[in-house]
Amino acid sequence: MWEKIVGRKKPEFHNVEDALIQLKQQLFTQSKKTLIILDDVWSRAHLEELLFEAPGYKTVVTTRDSSMNPQNTFSRLYRLPLLGHEDALSLFCFSAFGQTSIPSVVDANLVMEL
């Protein structure tokens, strides 16, 4: 994550707190906008620490666990419905095959089991 955000090789960190301090320092001094997406979060460990304000820095967290709701004042919660079967299948096919439907060369029964 460090290398993607900062653009340099990760330095040695003493602990998670040290890493977060150094990351915040880098974000406050760089001018590029940064979007971090934490997808399918199931653990609250360190999540609150990754949610902070910095110029041009935004974090999007997706989760199905409502207890993951951040407790800070700058966060917004958007509740979205689960995808229906057709939309979920289309998204899966796009991710797996680069198209929104099951290709003819693929076993449709196997895809439908997923």
C-alpha atoms as a PDB file:
ATOM      1  CA  MET A   1       0.000   0.000   0.000  1.00  0.00           C
ATOM      2  CA  TRP A   2       2.860   2.364   0.865  1.00  0.00           C
ATOM      3  CA  GLU A   3       4.563   1.932  -2.504  1.00  0.00           C
ATOM      4  CA  LYS A   4       1.318   2.554  -4.431  1.00  0.00           C
ATOM      5  CA  ILE A   5       0.449   5.698  -2.464  1.00  0.00           C
ATOM      6  CA  VAL A   6       3.876   7.260  -2.001  1.00  0.00           C
ATOM      7  CA  GLY A   7       5.586   5.950  -5.131  1.00  0.00           C
ATOM      8  CA  ARG A   8       8.726   4.820  -3.305  1.00  0.00           C
ATOM      9  CA  LYS A   9       9.935   1.606  -1.728  1.00  0.00           C
ATOM     10  CA  LYS A  10       8.525   1.019   1.749  1.00  0.00           C
ATOM     11  CA  PRO A  11      10.855   2.043   4.591  1.00  0.00           C
ATOM     12  CA  GLU A  12      11.216  -0.041   7.741  1.00  0.00           C
ATOM     13  CA  PHE A  13       8.475   0.661  10.268  1.00  0.00           C
ATOM     14  CA  HIS A  14       8.739   0.033  14.008  1.00  0.00           C
ATOM     15  CA  ASN A  15       5.038  -0.816  14.274  1.00  0.00           C
ATOM     16  CA  VAL A  16       1.641  -0.016  12.716  1.00  0.00           C
ATOM     17  CA  GLU A  17       1.452   3.348  14.496  1.00  0.00           C
ATOM     18  CA  ASP A  18       4.835   4.371  13.055  1.00  0.00           C
ATOM     19  CA  ALA A  19       3.684   3.359   9.562  1.00  0.00           C
ATOM     20  CA  LEU A  20       0.522   5.446   9.888  1.00  0.00           C
ATOM     21  CA  ILE A  21       2.448   8.481  11.132  1.00  0.00           C
ATOM     22  CA  GLN A  22       4.845   8.258   8.192  1.00  0.00           C
ATOM     23  CA  LEU A  23       1.982   7.712   5.729  1.00  0.00           C
ATOM     24  CA  LYS A  24       0.136  10.768   7.024  1.00  0.00           C
ATOM     25  CA  GLN A  25       3.319  12.856   6.762  1.00  0.00           C
ATOM     26  CA  GLN A  26       3.770  11.766   3.146  1.00  0.00           C
ATOM     27  CA  LEU A  27       0.145  12.510   2.274  1.00  0.00           C
ATOM     28  CA  PHE A  28       0.276  15.969   3.824  1.00  0.00           C
ATOM     29  CA  THR A  29       3.414  16.882   1.838  1.00  0.00           C
ATOM     30  CA  GLN A  30       2.497  15.434  -1.573  1.00  0.00           C
ATOM     31  CA  SER A  31       0.206  17.236  -3.954  1.00  0.00           C
ATOM     32  CA  LYS A  32      -1.307  14.287  -5.828  1.00  0.00           C
ATOM     33  CA  LYS A  33      -4.856  13.194  -5.082  1.00  0.00           C
ATOM     34  CA  THR A  34      -5.174   9.703  -3.630  1.00  0.00           C
ATOM     35  CA  LEU A  35      -8.181   7.387  -3.431  1.00  0.00           C
ATOM     36  CA  ILE A  36      -7.847   4.263  -1.293  1.00  0.00           C
ATOM     37  CA  ILE A  37     -10.478   1.529  -1.669  1.00  0.00           C
ATOM     38  CA  LEU A  38     -10.671  -1.046   1.098  1.00  0.00           C
ATOM     39  CA  ASP A  39     -13.008  -3.653  -0.344  1.00  0.00           C
ATOM     40  CA  ASP A  40     -14.947  -6.278   1.613  1.00  0.00           C
ATOM     41  CA  VAL A  41     -13.658  -5.302   5.064  1.00  0.00           C
ATOM     42  CA  TRP A  42     -14.524  -7.814   7.787  1.00  0.00           C
ATOM     43  CA  SER A  43     -12.184  -6.748  10.586  1.00  0.00           C
ATOM     44  CA  ARG A  44     -12.229  -3.489  12.491  1.00  0.00           C
ATOM     45  CA  ALA A  45      -8.521  -3.849  13.371  1.00  0.00           C
ATOM     46  CA  HIS A  46      -6.654  -0.757  12.134  1.00  0.00           C
ATOM     47  CA  LEU A  47      -9.633   0.370  10.021  1.00  0.00           C
ATOM     48  CA  GLU A  48     -10.269   3.487  12.129  1.00  0.00           C
ATOM     49  CA  GLU A  49      -6.576   4.408  11.836  1.00  0.00           C
ATOM     50  CA  LEU A  50      -6.735   4.320   8.031  1.00  0.00           C
ATOM     51  CA  LEU A  51      -9.703   6.680   8.006  1.00  0.00           C
ATOM     52  CA  PHE A  52      -8.256  10.156   8.418  1.00  0.00           C
ATOM     53  CA  GLU A  53      -8.435  13.506   6.679  1.00  0.00           C
ATOM     54  CA  ALA A  54      -5.644  14.794   4.457  1.00  0.00           C
ATOM     55  CA  PRO A  55      -5.721  17.143   1.471  1.00  0.00           C
ATOM     56  CA  GLY A  56      -6.672  15.151  -1.628  1.00  0.00           C
ATOM     57  CA  TYR A  57      -6.910  11.852   0.294  1.00  0.00           C
ATOM     58  CA  LYS A  58     -10.140   9.858   0.352  1.00  0.00           C
ATOM     59  CA  THR A  59     -10.915   6.352   1.543  1.00  0.00           C
ATOM     60  CA  VAL A  60     -13.839   4.208   0.417  1.00  0.00           C
ATOM     61  CA  VAL A  61     -14.655   1.149   2.521  1.00  0.00           C
ATOM     62  CA  THR A  62     -17.036  -1.572   1.419  1.00  0.00           C
ATOM     63  CA  THR A  63     -18.375  -4.116   3.891  1.00  0.00           C
ATOM     64  CA  ARG A  64     -21.447  -6.178   4.651  1.00  0.00           C
ATOM     65  CA  ASP A  65     -20.852  -5.846   8.393  1.00  0.00           C
ATOM     66  CA  SER A  66     -22.729  -2.831   9.785  1.00  0.00           C
ATOM     67  CA  SER A  67     -20.522  -2.825  12.907  1.00  0.00           C
ATOM     68  CA  MET A  68     -17.733  -1.503  10.674  1.00  0.00           C
ATOM     69  CA  ASN A  69     -19.385   1.936  10.603  1.00  0.00           C
ATOM     70  CA  PRO A  70     -16.652   4.501  11.296  1.00  0.00           C
ATOM     71  CA  GLN A  71     -17.047   6.611  14.409  1.00  0.00           C
ATOM     72  CA  ASN A  72     -15.414   9.815  13.127  1.00  0.00           C
ATOM     73  CA  THR A  73     -17.107  13.041  12.107  1.00  0.00           C
ATOM     74  CA  PHE A  74     -15.860  13.265   8.520  1.00  0.00           C
ATOM     75  CA  SER A  75     -17.115   9.847   7.392  1.00  0.00           C
ATOM     76  CA  ARG A  76     -20.360   9.260   5.533  1.00  0.00           C
ATOM     77  CA  LEU A  77     -22.287   6.024   5.452  1.00  0.00           C
ATOM     78  CA  TYR A  78     -24.163   4.907   2.359  1.00  0.00           C
ATOM     79  CA  ARG A  79     -26.322   1.827   2.669  1.00  0.00           C
ATOM     80  CA  LEU A  80     -26.740   0.050  -0.634  1.00  0.00           C
ATOM     81  CA  PRO A  81     -28.923  -2.941  -1.405  1.00  0.00           C
ATOM     82  CA  LEU A  82     -27.297  -6.209  -2.383  1.00  0.00           C
ATOM     83  CA  LEU A  83     -27.072  -6.816  -6.108  1.00  0.00           C
ATOM     84  CA  GLY A  84     -29.837  -8.859  -7.640  1.00  0.00           C
ATOM     85  CA  HIS A  85     -28.952 -12.146  -9.349  1.00  0.00           C
ATOM     86  CA  GLU A  86     -28.739 -10.681 -12.877  1.00  0.00           C
ATOM     87  CA  ASP A  87     -26.604  -7.705 -11.843  1.00  0.00           C
ATOM     88  CA  ALA A  88     -24.317  -9.942  -9.762  1.00  0.00           C
ATOM     89  CA  LEU A  89     -23.906 -12.335 -12.706  1.00  0.00           C
ATOM     90  CA  SER A  90     -23.168  -9.456 -15.069  1.00  0.00           C
ATOM     91  CA  LEU A  91     -20.568  -8.010 -12.690  1.00  0.00           C
ATOM     92  CA  PHE A  92     -18.951 -11.421 -12.215  1.00  0.00           C
ATOM     93  CA  CYS A  93     -18.801 -12.024 -15.970  1.00  0.00           C
ATOM     94  CA  PHE A  94     -17.316  -8.596 -16.582  1.00  0.00           C
ATOM     95  CA  SER A  95     -14.654  -9.196 -13.945  1.00  0.00           C
ATOM     96  CA  ALA A  96     -13.882 -12.762 -15.036  1.00  0.00           C
ATOM     97  CA  PHE A  97     -14.329 -12.581 -18.806  1.00  0.00           C
ATOM     98  CA  GLY A  98     -14.309  -8.902 -19.783  1.00  0.00           C
ATOM     99  CA  GLN A  99     -17.930  -8.978 -20.935  1.00  0.00           C
ATOM    100  CA  THR A 100     -21.282  -8.696 -19.192  1.00  0.00           C
ATOM    101  CA  SER A 101     -22.621 -12.149 -20.066  1.00  0.00           C
ATOM    102  CA  ILE A 102     -21.409 -15.744 -19.966  1.00  0.00           C
ATOM    103  CA  PRO A 103     -19.231 -16.434 -23.020  1.00  0.00           C
ATOM    104  CA  SER A 104     -20.307 -19.337 -25.224  1.00  0.00           C
ATOM    105  CA  VAL A 105     -16.947 -21.095 -24.651  1.00  0.00           C
ATOM    106  CA  VAL A 106     -17.499 -21.213 -20.871  1.00  0.00           C
ATOM    107  CA  ASP A 107     -19.500 -23.817 -18.938  1.00  0.00           C
ATOM    108  CA  ALA A 108     -22.598 -21.798 -17.966  1.00  0.00           C
ATOM    109  CA  ASN A 109     -23.581 -24.324 -15.274  1.00  0.00           C
ATOM    110  CA  LEU A 110     -20.213 -23.845 -13.563  1.00  0.00           C
ATOM    111  CA  VAL A 111     -20.580 -20.050 -13.678  1.00  0.00           C
ATOM    112  CA  MET A 112     -24.082 -20.255 -12.221  1.00  0.00           C
ATOM    113  CA  GLU A 113     -22.780 -22.287  -9.251  1.00  0.00           C
ATOM    114  CA  LEU A 114     -20.607 -19.386  -8.193  1.00  0.00           C
END
